[in-house]
Amino acid sequence: MDEGIFFSLSLSVQVAAFATALVVLAGIPVAYLLARRDFAMRELVDALITLPLVLPPTVTGYYLIVLFGRNGPIGGVLERLTGWTVMFTWQAAVIASAVVALPLMVKTARAAIESVDRNLIDA
């Protein structure tokens, strides 16, 4: 197999594995909170998580560049504190993949959690 093809495939698997782990670790607790707990900003959290589903991908990508770029609020702080530039790395691909997949995970897990009878959980 060509070295370039092997690199592309291994990078894709690496990004997918890390993004999936990140989405599962973040998505299930958020889905549980949205399904079973009442808190003041519940609707806002739900709307912010749903946002990548309703925004065009170019807009989502633009906002990620703004947030994680060298002058962005997250990317700038990371670069000043650690010297690490997020943009155009495999970690940036993980972040972008996770942002796109998180709403799907949260919506699916929330529906599953809400379908379980509260009496069964309390028993």
Protein backbone atom coordinates (compact mmCIF):
# COMPACT_ATOMS: atom_id res chain seq x y z
CA MET A 1 0.00 0.00 0.00
CA ASP A 2 1.21 3.49 -0.84
CA GLU A 3 2.62 5.42 2.14
CA GLY A 4 0.29 8.38 1.53
CA ILE A 5 -2.79 6.18 1.50
CA PHE A 6 -1.70 4.43 4.71
CA PHE A 7 -1.08 7.79 6.40
CA SER A 8 -4.50 9.10 5.32
CA LEU A 9 -6.29 6.00 6.54
CA SER A 10 -4.47 5.90 9.87
CA LEU A 11 -5.10 9.60 10.44
CA SER A 12 -8.80 9.14 9.68
CA VAL A 13 -9.05 6.24 12.13
CA GLN A 14 -7.16 8.23 14.77
CA VAL A 15 -9.42 11.28 14.39
CA ALA A 16 -12.56 9.12 14.41
CA ALA A 17 -11.50 7.21 17.53
CA PHE A 18 -10.63 10.32 19.53
CA ALA A 19 -13.74 12.21 18.38
CA THR A 20 -15.97 9.26 19.26
CA ALA A 21 -14.43 8.96 22.72
CA LEU A 22 -14.82 12.70 23.30
CA VAL A 23 -18.44 12.69 22.14
CA VAL A 24 -19.37 9.69 24.30
CA LEU A 25 -17.63 11.09 27.39
CA ALA A 26 -19.25 14.51 26.99
CA GLY A 27 -22.56 13.53 25.40
CA ILE A 28 -23.96 11.01 27.86
CA PRO A 29 -23.64 13.23 30.97
CA VAL A 30 -25.09 16.21 29.09
CA ALA A 31 -27.97 14.07 27.80
CA TYR A 32 -28.65 12.83 31.32
CA LEU A 33 -28.67 16.39 32.69
CA LEU A 34 -31.04 17.57 29.97
CA ALA A 35 -33.34 14.56 30.42
CA ARG A 36 -33.50 14.21 34.19
CA ARG A 37 -32.52 17.49 35.83
CA ASP A 38 -34.22 20.86 35.90
CA PHE A 39 -31.86 23.81 35.99
CA ALA A 40 -32.08 27.47 35.09
CA MET A 41 -30.35 27.47 31.71
CA ARG A 42 -31.56 24.10 30.45
CA GLU A 43 -33.15 25.47 27.28
CA LEU A 44 -30.05 27.53 26.48
CA VAL A 45 -27.77 24.50 26.86
CA ASP A 46 -30.09 22.45 24.66
CA ALA A 47 -30.16 25.19 22.02
CA LEU A 48 -26.36 25.60 22.02
CA ILE A 49 -25.85 21.86 21.63
CA THR A 50 -28.39 21.72 18.79
CA LEU A 51 -26.82 24.67 16.97
CA PRO A 52 -24.32 22.69 14.83
CA LEU A 53 -27.23 20.64 13.46
CA VAL A 54 -29.11 23.67 12.15
CA LEU A 55 -26.22 25.88 11.05
CA PRO A 56 -24.63 25.37 7.65
CA PRO A 57 -21.29 23.53 7.92
CA THR A 58 -19.41 26.57 6.62
CA VAL A 59 -20.78 28.71 9.45
CA THR A 60 -19.89 26.09 12.04
CA GLY A 61 -16.39 25.84 10.57
CA TYR A 62 -16.01 29.61 10.56
CA TYR A 63 -16.95 29.83 14.24
CA LEU A 64 -14.50 27.05 15.09
CA ILE A 65 -11.75 28.97 13.28
CA VAL A 66 -12.71 32.13 15.17
CA LEU A 67 -12.68 30.31 18.53
CA PHE A 68 -9.56 28.20 18.02
CA GLY A 69 -7.47 30.51 15.82
CA ARG A 70 -4.38 32.28 17.13
CA ASN A 71 -6.39 35.40 17.99
CA GLY A 72 -9.44 33.51 19.21
CA PRO A 73 -10.54 33.29 22.83
CA ILE A 74 -9.65 29.60 23.16
CA GLY A 75 -6.82 29.22 20.65
CA GLY A 76 -5.10 32.41 21.77
CA VAL A 77 -5.12 31.36 25.41
CA LEU A 78 -3.84 27.87 24.56
CA GLU A 79 -1.03 29.31 22.47
CA ARG A 80 0.01 31.81 25.15
CA LEU A 81 -0.08 29.24 27.96
CA THR A 82 1.34 26.20 26.19
CA GLY A 83 2.76 27.39 22.87
CA TRP A 84 0.40 24.97 21.10
CA THR A 85 -1.35 26.13 17.93
CA VAL A 86 -4.60 24.22 17.50
CA MET A 87 -5.49 25.17 13.94
CA PHE A 88 -4.69 22.75 11.12
CA THR A 89 -3.63 19.89 13.40
CA TRP A 90 -5.19 16.47 13.82
CA GLN A 91 -6.51 17.67 17.18
CA ALA A 92 -8.45 20.40 15.36
CA ALA A 93 -10.01 17.70 13.19
CA VAL A 94 -11.02 15.86 16.37
CA ILE A 95 -12.61 19.02 17.77
CA ALA A 96 -14.49 19.72 14.53
CA SER A 97 -15.71 16.12 14.28
CA ALA A 98 -16.83 16.16 17.90
CA VAL A 99 -18.69 19.45 17.49
CA VAL A 100 -20.60 18.03 14.53
CA ALA A 101 -21.33 14.65 16.19
CA LEU A 102 -22.15 15.85 19.72
CA PRO A 103 -25.72 17.00 18.96
CA LEU A 104 -26.54 13.63 17.41
CA MET A 105 -25.21 11.80 20.45
CA VAL A 106 -26.98 14.06 22.94
CA LYS A 107 -30.34 13.90 21.14
CA THR A 108 -30.20 10.11 20.82
CA ALA A 109 -29.03 9.49 24.38
CA ARG A 110 -31.53 11.99 25.78
CA ALA A 111 -34.42 10.25 24.00
CA ALA A 112 -33.24 6.89 25.36
CA ILE A 113 -32.89 8.24 28.91
CA GLU A 114 -36.31 9.91 28.78
CA SER A 115 -37.91 6.65 27.61
CA VAL A 116 -36.90 4.87 30.83
CA ASP A 117 -39.60 5.13 33.50
CA ARG A 118 -38.50 7.24 36.48
CA ASN A 119 -40.00 4.67 38.87
CA LEU A 120 -37.55 2.07 37.55
CA ILE A 121 -34.64 4.39 38.21
CA ASP A 122 -35.88 5.28 41.70
CA ALA A 123 -36.47 1.62 42.65
